[in-house]
């Protein structure tokens, strides 16, 4: 009985976690694109270059560590006067 209950709960919870991770990854990628396009200081070739903290957050997003990357990217966008996209 307990095994059946655990199996049933696993079938419900695991897909939900996977969807949340996918949504976070997509949101992180969207924030990354906005930050790279619209924020930062002048770089070597006249392009905008984000600061090291923001670059670290972008790296976190690329590695799948969205929990660390999203708050930093959101803060960077807010500090530059942007309204955040819907999550």
C-alpha atoms as a PDB file:
ATOM      1  CA  UNK A   1       0.000   0.000   0.000  1.00  0.00           C
ATOM      2  CA  UNK A   2       2.758   2.448   0.935  1.00  0.00           C
ATOM      3  CA  UNK A   3       4.738   1.601  -2.194  1.00  0.00           C
ATOM      4  CA  UNK A   4       1.697   2.294  -4.339  1.00  0.00           C
ATOM      5  CA  UNK A   5       1.159   5.643  -2.641  1.00  0.00           C
ATOM      6  CA  UNK A   6       4.819   6.625  -3.099  1.00  0.00           C
ATOM      7  CA  UNK A   7       4.700   5.617  -6.758  1.00  0.00           C
ATOM      8  CA  UNK A   8       1.504   7.577  -7.304  1.00  0.00           C
ATOM      9  CA  UNK A   9       2.933  10.699  -5.647  1.00  0.00           C
ATOM     10  CA  UNK A  10       6.119  10.381  -7.687  1.00  0.00           C
ATOM     11  CA  UNK A  11       4.106  10.287 -10.896  1.00  0.00           C
ATOM     12  CA  UNK A  12       2.365  13.498  -9.907  1.00  0.00           C
ATOM     13  CA  UNK A  13       5.316  15.465  -8.499  1.00  0.00           C
ATOM     14  CA  UNK A  14       8.136  14.665 -10.938  1.00  0.00           C
ATOM     15  CA  UNK A  15       6.474  16.030 -14.094  1.00  0.00           C
ATOM     16  CA  UNK A  16       5.545  19.205 -12.200  1.00  0.00           C
ATOM     17  CA  UNK A  17       9.171  19.732 -11.152  1.00  0.00           C
ATOM     18  CA  UNK A  18      10.369  19.153 -14.715  1.00  0.00           C
ATOM     19  CA  UNK A  19       7.909  21.721 -16.103  1.00  0.00           C
ATOM     20  CA  UNK A  20       8.972  24.291 -13.485  1.00  0.00           C
ATOM     21  CA  UNK A  21      12.637  23.780 -14.388  1.00  0.00           C
ATOM     22  CA  UNK A  22      11.860  24.203 -18.083  1.00  0.00           C
ATOM     23  CA  UNK A  23       9.886  27.383 -17.381  1.00  0.00           C
ATOM     24  CA  UNK A  24      12.733  28.778 -15.259  1.00  0.00           C
ATOM     25  CA  UNK A  25      15.257  27.992 -17.980  1.00  0.00           C
ATOM     26  CA  UNK A  26      13.151  29.764 -20.604  1.00  0.00           C
ATOM     27  CA  UNK A  27      12.641  32.781 -18.329  1.00  0.00           C
ATOM     28  CA  UNK A  28      16.348  32.900 -17.521  1.00  0.00           C
ATOM     29  CA  UNK A  29      17.181  32.812 -21.242  1.00  0.00           C
ATOM     30  CA  UNK A  30      14.732  35.650 -21.879  1.00  0.00           C
ATOM     31  CA  UNK A  31      16.296  37.765 -19.119  1.00  0.00           C
ATOM     32  CA  UNK A  32      19.756  36.974 -20.457  1.00  0.00           C
ATOM     33  CA  UNK A  33      18.834  38.218 -23.938  1.00  0.00           C
ATOM     34  CA  UNK A  34      17.426  41.475 -22.553  1.00  0.00           C
ATOM     35  CA  UNK A  35      20.463  42.080 -20.343  1.00  0.00           C
ATOM     36  CA  UNK A  36      22.901  41.417 -23.171  1.00  0.00           C
ATOM     37  CA  UNK A  37      20.994  43.606 -25.590  1.00  0.00           C
ATOM     38  CA  UNK A  38      20.180  46.611 -23.423  1.00  0.00           C
ATOM     39  CA  UNK A  39      22.459  46.903 -20.381  1.00  0.00           C
ATOM     40  CA  UNK A  40      26.127  47.262 -19.551  1.00  0.00           C
ATOM     41  CA  UNK A  41      28.996  49.607 -20.242  1.00  0.00           C
ATOM     42  CA  UNK A  42      30.845  50.182 -23.491  1.00  0.00           C
ATOM     43  CA  UNK A  43      32.980  47.189 -24.392  1.00  0.00           C
ATOM     44  CA  UNK A  44      36.066  46.854 -26.554  1.00  0.00           C
ATOM     45  CA  UNK A  45      34.273  46.937 -29.904  1.00  0.00           C
ATOM     46  CA  UNK A  46      31.648  49.468 -28.891  1.00  0.00           C
ATOM     47  CA  UNK A  47      29.248  46.755 -27.736  1.00  0.00           C
ATOM     48  CA  UNK A  48      27.532  46.835 -24.378  1.00  0.00           C
ATOM     49  CA  UNK A  49      29.316  44.623 -21.829  1.00  0.00           C
ATOM     50  CA  UNK A  50      27.601  43.611 -18.567  1.00  0.00           C
ATOM     51  CA  UNK A  51      29.514  43.773 -15.297  1.00  0.00           C
ATOM     52  CA  UNK A  52      31.153  40.670 -13.796  1.00  0.00           C
ATOM     53  CA  UNK A  53      28.245  39.912 -11.458  1.00  0.00           C
ATOM     54  CA  UNK A  54      25.810  39.948 -14.355  1.00  0.00           C
ATOM     55  CA  UNK A  55      28.150  37.830 -16.479  1.00  0.00           C
ATOM     56  CA  UNK A  56      28.272  35.321 -13.603  1.00  0.00           C
ATOM     57  CA  UNK A  57      24.476  35.220 -13.523  1.00  0.00           C
ATOM     58  CA  UNK A  58      24.398  34.627 -17.280  1.00  0.00           C
ATOM     59  CA  UNK A  59      26.847  31.777 -16.782  1.00  0.00           C
ATOM     60  CA  UNK A  60      24.630  30.352 -14.035  1.00  0.00           C
ATOM     61  CA  UNK A  61      21.652  30.402 -16.407  1.00  0.00           C
ATOM     62  CA  UNK A  62      23.690  28.703 -19.123  1.00  0.00           C
ATOM     63  CA  UNK A  63      24.686  25.965 -16.657  1.00  0.00           C
ATOM     64  CA  UNK A  64      21.077  25.426 -15.536  1.00  0.00           C
ATOM     65  CA  UNK A  65      21.492  27.132 -12.151  1.00  0.00           C
ATOM     66  CA  UNK A  66      18.462  29.349 -12.663  1.00  0.00           C
ATOM     67  CA  UNK A  67      17.897  29.863  -8.929  1.00  0.00           C
ATOM     68  CA  UNK A  68      21.161  31.815  -8.763  1.00  0.00           C
ATOM     69  CA  UNK A  69      20.967  33.532 -12.153  1.00  0.00           C
ATOM     70  CA  UNK A  70      17.395  34.823 -12.270  1.00  0.00           C
ATOM     71  CA  UNK A  71      17.494  37.179  -9.239  1.00  0.00           C
ATOM     72  CA  UNK A  72      20.701  38.860 -10.414  1.00  0.00           C
ATOM     73  CA  UNK A  73      19.442  39.338 -13.970  1.00  0.00           C
ATOM     74  CA  UNK A  74      16.104  40.673 -12.692  1.00  0.00           C
ATOM     75  CA  UNK A  75      17.927  43.151 -10.447  1.00  0.00           C
ATOM     76  CA  UNK A  76      20.156  44.287 -13.319  1.00  0.00           C
ATOM     77  CA  UNK A  77      17.138  44.944 -15.530  1.00  0.00           C
ATOM     78  CA  UNK A  78      15.189  46.734 -12.772  1.00  0.00           C
ATOM     79  CA  UNK A  79      18.200  48.913 -11.938  1.00  0.00           C
ATOM     80  CA  UNK A  80      18.336  49.963 -15.587  1.00  0.00           C
ATOM     81  CA  UNK A  81      14.663  50.992 -15.615  1.00  0.00           C
ATOM     82  CA  UNK A  82      13.200  47.922 -17.328  1.00  0.00           C
ATOM     83  CA  UNK A  83       9.932  46.241 -16.511  1.00  0.00           C
ATOM     84  CA  UNK A  84      10.461  42.517 -16.162  1.00  0.00           C
ATOM     85  CA  UNK A  85       8.794  40.165 -18.654  1.00  0.00           C
ATOM     86  CA  UNK A  86       6.008  37.907 -17.422  1.00  0.00           C
ATOM     87  CA  UNK A  87       7.163  34.675 -15.940  1.00  0.00           C
END
